[in-house]
Amino acid sequence: MRKHFLYLFLSLVIVQTINAQTRGTKVGYIDMEYILQNVPDYTEATIQLEQKAQKWKQEIESKKVELNKIKEALKAEKALLTKELIDERETEITFLENEMLEYQQKRFGAKGDLMLQKSILAMPIQDQVFTAIQDIAVARKYDFIFDKSSDLTMLFADKRFDISEQVLRVLNRSEKREQLTKKQLKEEELKENREDALDENPIVAERQKALDDKKTSREKILADRKLLQEQKKKEFDDKRKQIQADREAKKNGTVSANVKLEDSSKAQISTDSNKINANETVEKLKQNQADAKTQTVEERKKIIEERKKALEEKRKKILEEREAIKKAKEEKLKENKNNN
């Protein structure tokens, strides 16, 4: 009994070890620049900062123009001036040049106002991003998360490991919650749970994306159909109004034959033009339907291939675990035989 219990305990330890090894290290990355560009507050403040920078550049250009004028004046009057006056003018030019360079360094240098205000502007957003990353790392069990836009050299980064969109969703959620009612908060939580489930399962996420694309294509087809129906209805209304106008004119006897002929020609041209437009719209609608069908078939193929790949990996993992358990049993039997 004791040996049997020991055997079960060792089997459990081996299985847990194999699971830990097969799980591997979970790694993700973010693109901080992409996240900052998609945060509205940061974007608005960046635009204001760029306006300040443009104003500073204009001031520097004004200083350059003024300095060039002084240089040209000295060049033109140099032959008429004494050595003392020339030295005085050159000293003034040197002073103005140094002053302009100092101002340029103050505004656009490595530790200038522009860089300082950019870092101050990004700091609160970066703090929120780091908090969101920690929450995601704990919830999704990430071992490492890198920043693609940092000094770290990433020679290759698969898009499926990019969690920038997840971080943006977390930031937007916290901002939305402050403006929602209780009922809206409940609906938002359900939506967030669905999004989190999609993040956990890439296959389901791909399937959802395919469904969303299919829905978008269907809505576009319906919109095209509606546009075509409205165009046909307009043609019919125009034609009916034209017939009524012709009847009224014929009844009153106020329209000459030439005018009638001209109106008839215009109506015929308008009808032909509308027919051409209608045919073009129909052809476009058919082409959109064919493109949507082709896209749907390709997306289904992709989902099926990914599902097959996932099942194959799962099957391999199960076989490896069984093989490891079988090997452990054989080693245990050999050990028992040796002990006996």
Protein backbone atom coordinates (compact mmCIF):
# COMPACT_ATOMS: atom_id res chain seq x y z
CA MET A 1 0.00 0.00 0.00
CA ARG A 2 2.82 2.34 0.89
CA LYS A 3 4.63 1.60 -2.36
CA HIS A 4 1.43 2.13 -4.31
CA PHE A 5 0.91 5.54 -2.68
CA LEU A 6 4.52 6.51 -3.41
CA TYR A 7 4.08 5.48 -7.03
CA LEU A 8 0.96 7.67 -7.40
CA PHE A 9 2.73 10.63 -5.78
CA LEU A 10 5.72 10.33 -8.13
CA SER A 11 3.39 10.10 -11.15
CA LEU A 12 1.63 13.30 -10.15
CA VAL A 13 4.94 15.12 -9.69
CA ILE A 14 6.13 13.99 -13.12
CA VAL A 15 2.88 15.07 -14.81
CA GLN A 16 3.02 18.52 -13.17
CA THR A 17 6.64 18.94 -14.24
CA ILE A 18 5.81 17.99 -17.83
CA ASN A 19 2.89 20.46 -17.87
CA ALA A 20 5.13 23.28 -16.60
CA GLN A 21 7.73 22.50 -19.27
CA THR A 22 5.25 22.19 -22.12
CA ARG A 23 3.53 25.47 -21.16
CA GLY A 24 6.79 27.32 -21.73
CA THR A 25 7.49 30.99 -21.21
CA LYS A 26 4.64 33.36 -22.17
CA VAL A 27 5.96 36.55 -23.77
CA GLY A 28 4.15 39.64 -25.09
CA TYR A 29 5.07 43.12 -26.26
CA ILE A 30 3.54 46.59 -26.65
CA ASP A 31 4.20 49.56 -28.91
CA MET A 32 4.23 52.59 -26.62
CA GLU A 33 4.26 55.07 -29.51
CA TYR A 34 1.14 53.46 -31.01
CA ILE A 35 -0.64 53.54 -27.64
CA LEU A 36 0.21 57.22 -27.02
CA GLN A 37 -0.98 58.18 -30.52
CA ASN A 38 -4.36 56.57 -29.81
CA VAL A 39 -4.96 58.27 -26.45
CA PRO A 40 -7.12 61.37 -27.20
CA ASP A 41 -5.81 63.52 -24.30
CA TYR A 42 -2.19 62.91 -25.30
CA THR A 43 -2.92 63.60 -28.99
CA GLU A 44 -4.63 66.91 -28.20
CA ALA A 45 -1.81 68.03 -25.90
CA THR A 46 0.78 66.99 -28.52
CA ILE A 47 -0.92 69.22 -31.11
CA GLN A 48 -0.74 72.19 -28.71
CA LEU A 49 2.93 71.45 -28.06
CA GLU A 50 3.65 71.32 -31.81
CA GLN A 51 2.04 74.74 -32.17
CA LYS A 52 4.41 76.07 -29.48
CA ALA A 53 7.36 74.47 -31.30
CA GLN A 54 6.33 76.17 -34.56
CA LYS A 55 6.23 79.52 -32.76
CA TRP A 56 9.74 78.91 -31.37
CA LYS A 57 11.00 78.04 -34.87
CA GLN A 58 9.55 81.27 -36.24
CA GLU A 59 11.36 83.24 -33.52
CA ILE A 60 14.65 81.55 -34.42
CA GLU A 61 14.11 82.31 -38.12
CA SER A 62 13.44 85.98 -37.28
CA LYS A 63 16.71 86.12 -35.34
CA LYS A 64 18.55 84.59 -38.32
CA VAL A 65 17.05 87.13 -40.74
CA GLU A 66 18.02 90.02 -38.44
CA LEU A 67 21.55 88.65 -38.05
CA ASN A 68 21.97 88.25 -41.83
CA LYS A 69 20.87 91.88 -42.33
CA ILE A 70 23.57 93.09 -39.89
CA LYS A 71 26.20 90.96 -41.65
CA GLU A 72 25.20 92.30 -45.08
CA ALA A 73 25.29 95.87 -43.77
CA LEU A 74 28.78 95.36 -42.38
CA LYS A 75 29.92 93.82 -45.63
CA ALA A 76 28.60 96.79 -47.60
CA GLU A 77 30.04 99.47 -45.25
CA LYS A 78 33.30 97.73 -44.34
CA ALA A 79 35.42 99.79 -46.72
CA LEU A 80 34.17 103.05 -45.14
CA LEU A 81 34.58 102.03 -41.48
CA THR A 82 37.60 102.26 -39.20
CA LYS A 83 39.17 99.16 -37.67
CA GLU A 84 37.64 99.95 -34.25
CA LEU A 85 34.10 100.19 -35.70
CA ILE A 86 34.60 96.96 -37.68
CA ASP A 87 35.73 95.13 -34.52
CA GLU A 88 32.75 96.55 -32.64
CA ARG A 89 30.31 95.36 -35.32
CA GLU A 90 31.92 91.88 -35.50
CA THR A 91 31.73 91.59 -31.69
CA GLU A 92 28.02 92.46 -31.86
CA ILE A 93 27.48 89.81 -34.58
CA THR A 94 29.28 87.16 -32.52
CA PHE A 95 27.18 88.07 -29.49
CA LEU A 96 23.93 87.77 -31.51
CA GLU A 97 25.04 84.42 -32.99
CA ASN A 98 25.78 82.98 -29.55
CA GLU A 99 22.49 84.33 -28.24
CA MET A 100 20.58 82.65 -31.09
CA LEU A 101 22.38 79.32 -30.58
CA GLU A 102 21.66 79.43 -26.84
CA TYR A 103 17.97 80.10 -27.52
CA GLN A 104 17.85 77.25 -30.04
CA GLN A 105 19.49 74.89 -27.55
CA LYS A 106 17.13 76.04 -24.81
CA ARG A 107 14.07 75.24 -26.91
CA PHE A 108 15.15 72.21 -29.01
CA GLY A 109 18.20 70.78 -27.25
CA ALA A 110 18.46 67.32 -25.68
CA LYS A 111 17.39 68.88 -22.34
CA GLY A 112 15.39 71.71 -23.91
CA ASP A 113 11.81 72.82 -23.34
CA LEU A 114 10.39 70.62 -26.13
CA MET A 115 11.85 67.36 -24.82
CA LEU A 116 11.04 68.29 -21.22
CA GLN A 117 7.38 69.07 -21.97
CA LYS A 118 7.05 65.90 -24.07
CA SER A 119 8.29 63.76 -21.17
CA ILE A 120 5.98 65.59 -18.71
CA LEU A 121 3.08 65.10 -21.12
CA ALA A 122 3.72 61.37 -21.58
CA MET A 123 4.45 60.57 -17.93
CA PRO A 124 0.86 60.21 -16.59
CA ILE A 125 -0.19 58.18 -19.66
CA GLN A 126 2.87 55.94 -19.28
CA ASP A 127 2.00 55.36 -15.60
CA GLN A 128 -1.50 54.26 -16.64
CA VAL A 129 -0.02 52.02 -19.34
CA PHE A 130 2.38 50.36 -16.86
CA THR A 131 -0.51 49.74 -14.43
CA ALA A 132 -2.61 48.23 -17.25
CA ILE A 133 0.34 46.04 -18.34
CA GLN A 134 0.77 44.70 -14.79
CA ASP A 135 -2.95 43.87 -14.58
CA ILE A 136 -2.87 42.10 -17.95
CA ALA A 137 0.34 40.23 -17.07
CA VAL A 138 -1.14 38.91 -13.82
CA ALA A 139 -4.52 38.03 -15.36
CA ARG A 140 -3.08 36.36 -18.50
CA LYS A 141 0.01 34.88 -16.78
CA TYR A 142 2.66 36.60 -18.92
CA ASP A 143 6.28 36.02 -17.94
CA PHE A 144 7.75 38.94 -19.92
CA ILE A 145 6.29 42.00 -21.68
CA PHE A 146 8.60 44.20 -23.77
CA ASP A 147 8.22 47.65 -25.33
CA LYS A 148 8.75 47.54 -29.10
CA SER A 149 9.44 51.30 -29.35
CA SER A 150 12.18 51.28 -26.67
CA ASP A 151 15.94 50.82 -27.13
CA LEU A 152 15.41 47.04 -27.03
CA THR A 153 16.24 45.58 -30.46
CA MET A 154 13.42 43.31 -31.70
CA LEU A 155 14.53 41.61 -34.92
CA PHE A 156 11.12 39.97 -35.34
CA ALA A 157 7.80 40.31 -33.52
CA ASP A 158 4.72 38.25 -34.39
CA LYS A 159 1.55 40.36 -34.40
CA ARG A 160 -0.33 37.79 -32.26
CA PHE A 161 1.95 38.60 -29.30
CA ASP A 162 1.17 42.34 -29.54
CA ILE A 163 -1.04 43.35 -26.58
CA SER A 164 -1.13 47.09 -27.40
CA GLU A 165 -4.85 46.91 -28.26
CA GLN A 166 -5.57 45.19 -24.93
CA VAL A 167 -3.74 47.97 -23.07
CA LEU A 168 -5.72 50.62 -24.98
CA ARG A 169 -8.97 48.86 -24.09
CA VAL A 170 -8.04 48.88 -20.40
CA LEU A 171 -7.24 52.62 -20.56
CA ASN A 172 -10.50 53.40 -22.38
CA ARG A 173 -12.51 51.26 -19.95
CA SER A 174 -11.38 53.25 -16.92
CA GLU A 175 -12.26 56.51 -18.68
CA LYS A 176 -15.70 55.23 -19.80
CA ARG A 177 -16.70 53.87 -16.39
CA GLU A 178 -16.71 57.38 -14.88
CA GLN A 179 -19.44 58.50 -17.32
CA LEU A 180 -21.77 55.45 -17.29
CA THR A 181 -24.90 54.62 -15.29
CA LYS A 182 -25.33 51.35 -13.38
CA LYS A 183 -27.18 49.71 -16.25
CA GLN A 184 -24.58 50.85 -18.76
CA LEU A 185 -21.80 49.64 -16.44
CA LYS A 186 -23.35 46.17 -16.38
CA GLU A 187 -23.56 46.09 -20.18
CA GLU A 188 -20.00 47.35 -20.44
CA GLU A 189 -18.77 44.59 -18.09
CA LEU A 190 -20.42 41.93 -20.27
CA LYS A 191 -18.77 43.45 -23.31
CA GLU A 192 -15.39 43.52 -21.53
CA ASN A 193 -15.76 39.85 -20.55
CA ARG A 194 -16.40 38.93 -24.19
CA GLU A 195 -13.33 40.90 -25.30
CA ASP A 196 -11.20 39.22 -22.62
CA ALA A 197 -12.42 35.80 -23.75
CA LEU A 198 -11.40 36.62 -27.31
CA ASP A 199 -7.95 37.72 -26.12
CA GLU A 200 -7.53 34.40 -24.26
CA ASN A 201 -8.42 32.28 -27.31
CA PRO A 202 -6.81 33.40 -30.61
CA ILE A 203 -8.86 30.90 -32.64
CA VAL A 204 -12.13 32.31 -31.30
CA ALA A 205 -10.80 35.83 -31.93
CA GLU A 206 -10.05 34.97 -35.55
CA ARG A 207 -13.51 33.43 -35.91
CA GLN A 208 -15.12 36.55 -34.43
CA LYS A 209 -13.09 38.75 -36.79
CA ALA A 210 -14.25 36.69 -39.74
CA LEU A 211 -17.86 37.05 -38.59
CA ASP A 212 -17.45 40.81 -38.15
CA ASP A 213 -15.93 41.12 -41.64
CA LYS A 214 -18.77 39.05 -43.07
CA LYS A 215 -21.31 41.27 -41.30
CA THR A 216 -19.62 44.40 -42.69
CA SER A 217 -19.69 42.94 -46.21
CA ARG A 218 -23.37 42.04 -45.83
CA GLU A 219 -24.20 45.56 -44.60
CA LYS A 220 -22.35 47.04 -47.59
CA ILE A 221 -24.31 44.83 -49.99
CA LEU A 222 -27.59 45.86 -48.35
CA ALA A 223 -26.59 49.53 -48.55
CA ASP A 224 -25.81 49.13 -52.26
CA ARG A 225 -29.17 47.45 -52.82
CA LYS A 226 -30.97 50.23 -50.98
CA LEU A 227 -29.12 52.84 -53.07
CA LEU A 228 -30.13 51.03 -56.26
CA GLN A 229 -33.78 50.86 -55.15
CA GLU A 230 -33.78 54.58 -54.31
CA GLN A 231 -32.24 55.37 -57.69
CA LYS A 232 -34.89 53.32 -59.51
CA LYS A 233 -37.64 54.95 -57.45
CA LYS A 234 -36.27 58.40 -58.34
CA GLU A 235 -36.20 57.48 -62.03
CA PHE A 236 -39.81 56.30 -61.82
CA ASP A 237 -40.92 59.48 -60.02
CA ASP A 238 -39.12 61.69 -62.54
CA LYS A 239 -40.69 59.82 -65.42
CA ARG A 240 -44.19 60.04 -63.85
CA LYS A 241 -43.77 63.78 -63.23
CA GLN A 242 -42.61 64.26 -66.82
CA ILE A 243 -45.68 62.40 -68.16
CA GLN A 244 -47.98 64.50 -65.97
CA ALA A 245 -46.27 67.71 -67.13
CA ASP A 246 -46.63 66.66 -70.79
CA ARG A 247 -50.32 65.91 -70.27
CA GLU A 248 -50.89 69.27 -68.60
CA ALA A 249 -49.03 71.08 -71.39
CA LYS A 250 -50.97 69.22 -74.08
CA LYS A 251 -54.24 69.98 -72.32
CA ASN A 252 -53.45 73.69 -72.04
CA GLY A 253 -51.95 73.84 -75.52
CA THR A 254 -49.11 76.15 -74.41
CA VAL A 255 -46.11 74.09 -75.56
CA SER A 256 -44.95 74.12 -79.16
CA ALA A 257 -43.93 71.02 -81.09
CA ASN A 258 -40.26 72.03 -81.02
CA VAL A 259 -40.28 72.41 -77.23
CA LYS A 260 -42.05 69.07 -76.85
CA LEU A 261 -39.47 67.43 -79.12
CA GLU A 262 -36.63 69.01 -77.12
CA ASP A 263 -38.17 67.88 -73.80
CA SER A 264 -38.68 64.41 -75.22
CA SER A 265 -35.02 64.26 -76.32
CA LYS A 266 -33.87 65.43 -72.89
CA ALA A 267 -36.08 62.86 -71.18
CA GLN A 268 -34.73 60.13 -73.47
CA ILE A 269 -31.12 61.19 -72.71
CA SER A 270 -31.88 61.30 -68.98
CA THR A 271 -33.49 57.84 -69.14
CA ASP A 272 -30.55 56.40 -71.06
CA SER A 273 -28.12 57.96 -68.58
CA ASN A 274 -30.09 56.58 -65.62
CA LYS A 275 -30.14 53.13 -67.25
CA ILE A 276 -26.37 53.23 -67.68
CA ASN A 277 -25.92 54.28 -64.03
CA ALA A 278 -28.31 51.55 -62.90
CA ASN A 279 -26.40 48.93 -64.92
CA GLU A 280 -23.12 50.13 -63.46
CA THR A 281 -24.57 49.94 -59.94
CA VAL A 282 -25.85 46.39 -60.58
CA GLU A 283 -22.44 45.30 -61.88
CA LYS A 284 -20.77 46.91 -58.86
CA LEU A 285 -23.23 45.14 -56.53
CA LYS A 286 -22.52 41.78 -58.17
CA GLN A 287 -18.78 42.37 -57.91
CA ASN A 288 -19.10 43.29 -54.19
CA GLN A 289 -21.13 40.12 -53.55
CA ALA A 290 -18.51 37.99 -55.34
CA ASP A 291 -15.66 39.66 -53.39
CA ALA A 292 -17.50 39.17 -50.10
CA LYS A 293 -18.13 35.50 -50.89
CA THR A 294 -14.47 34.93 -51.82
CA GLN A 295 -13.31 36.67 -48.64
CA THR A 296 -15.69 34.59 -46.50
CA VAL A 297 -14.43 31.33 -48.08
CA GLU A 298 -10.80 32.32 -47.49
CA GLU A 299 -11.50 33.27 -43.87
CA ARG A 300 -13.28 29.96 -43.26
CA LYS A 301 -10.32 28.07 -44.73
CA LYS A 302 -7.97 30.01 -42.47
CA ILE A 303 -10.07 29.29 -39.37
CA ILE A 304 -10.26 25.56 -40.24
CA GLU A 305 -6.48 25.40 -40.76
CA GLU A 306 -5.83 27.12 -37.44
CA ARG A 307 -8.27 24.81 -35.68
CA LYS A 308 -6.53 21.77 -37.22
CA LYS A 309 -3.17 23.13 -36.14
CA ALA A 310 -4.39 23.68 -32.57
CA LEU A 311 -5.87 20.16 -32.41
CA GLU A 312 -2.63 18.68 -33.79
CA GLU A 313 -0.58 20.51 -31.15
CA LYS A 314 -2.97 19.34 -28.43
CA ARG A 315 -2.73 15.75 -29.69
CA LYS A 316 1.08 15.89 -29.72
CA LYS A 317 1.06 17.30 -26.20
CA ILE A 318 -1.21 14.49 -24.97
CA LEU A 319 0.99 11.84 -26.64
CA GLU A 320 4.10 13.35 -25.07
CA GLU A 321 2.47 13.33 -21.64
CA ARG A 322 1.38 9.71 -22.07
CA GLU A 323 4.84 8.74 -23.23
CA ALA A 324 6.38 10.47 -20.22
CA ILE A 325 3.96 8.73 -17.82
CA LYS A 326 4.64 5.39 -19.53
CA LYS A 327 8.40 5.94 -19.23
CA ALA A 328 7.98 6.85 -15.57
CA LYS A 329 6.02 3.64 -14.97
CA GLU A 330 8.67 1.52 -16.70
CA GLU A 331 11.44 3.16 -14.68
CA LYS A 332 9.46 2.60 -11.49
CA LEU A 333 8.88 -1.09 -12.36
CA LYS A 334 12.59 -1.53 -13.04
CA GLU A 335 13.41 0.12 -9.74
CA ASN A 336 10.95 -2.17 -7.90
CA LYS A 337 12.47 -5.25 -9.57
CA ASN A 338 15.94 -4.15 -8.61
CA ASN A 339 14.82 -3.54 -5.02
CA ASN A 340 13.17 -6.99 -4.86
